[in-house]
Amino acid sequence: MGVTRLKRKDRKNKTTSRLEVQFLKLATNLEAGSRSAEKKNSQIAINNAVLAKAAAAK
């Protein structure tokens, strides 16, 4: 039996699910307690510092 081509909907689902998995893998590095440490001068760390300062000022 020959290889059948996926229908358009199935090809879209395959691509979408692959991209979602890739996004979730990237997002796991940002969680607290992750093995990969956040750089001290990264934008996320700077934003967190600003938010903490604003919360303390209230």
Protein backbone atom coordinates (compact mmCIF):
# COMPACT_ATOMS: atom_id res chain seq x y z
CA MET A 1 0.00 0.00 0.00
CA GLY A 2 1.26 3.45 -0.86
CA VAL A 3 1.63 6.33 1.53
CA THR A 4 -1.53 8.44 1.63
CA ARG A 5 -1.45 12.22 1.83
CA LEU A 6 -3.02 13.85 4.84
CA LYS A 7 -6.07 15.98 4.26
CA ARG A 8 -5.70 19.72 4.80
CA LYS A 9 -7.36 19.65 8.24
CA ASP A 10 -5.08 16.83 9.43
CA ARG A 11 -1.97 18.59 8.14
CA LYS A 12 -3.01 21.75 10.01
CA ASN A 13 -3.62 19.79 13.22
CA LYS A 14 -0.24 18.10 12.91
CA THR A 15 1.55 21.44 12.50
CA THR A 16 -0.44 23.12 15.28
CA SER A 17 0.19 20.35 17.79
CA ARG A 18 3.92 20.33 16.96
CA LEU A 19 4.13 24.08 17.56
CA GLU A 20 2.16 23.80 20.81
CA VAL A 21 4.56 21.16 22.14
CA GLN A 22 7.52 23.34 21.15
CA PHE A 23 5.96 26.33 22.94
CA LEU A 24 5.31 24.31 26.10
CA LYS A 25 8.90 23.05 26.15
CA LEU A 26 10.17 26.61 25.91
CA ALA A 27 7.77 27.87 28.57
CA THR A 28 8.91 25.32 31.18
CA ASN A 29 12.26 27.11 31.54
CA LEU A 30 10.57 30.20 32.97
CA GLU A 31 9.00 28.50 35.98
CA ALA A 32 10.42 29.10 39.45
CA GLY A 33 12.74 26.37 40.64
CA SER A 34 13.76 25.39 37.12
CA ARG A 35 17.16 23.78 36.67
CA SER A 36 18.16 26.46 34.16
CA ALA A 37 18.70 29.61 36.18
CA GLU A 38 17.32 32.91 34.96
CA LYS A 39 20.00 35.46 34.05
CA LYS A 40 20.09 38.40 36.45
CA ASN A 41 19.93 41.00 33.67
CA SER A 42 17.19 39.32 31.63
CA GLN A 43 14.05 41.32 30.88
CA ILE A 44 11.89 38.96 32.96
CA ALA A 45 14.10 39.43 36.03
CA ILE A 46 14.05 43.22 35.55
CA ASN A 47 10.25 43.22 35.23
CA ASN A 48 9.87 41.10 38.38
CA ALA A 49 12.11 43.50 40.32
CA VAL A 50 10.06 46.50 39.19
CA LEU A 51 6.80 44.75 40.11
CA ALA A 52 8.17 43.77 43.54
CA LYS A 53 9.27 47.38 44.17
CA ALA A 54 5.82 48.69 43.15
CA ALA A 55 4.07 46.15 45.39
CA ALA A 56 6.29 47.12 48.36
CA ALA A 57 5.54 50.83 47.84
CA LYS A 58 1.78 50.35 48.24
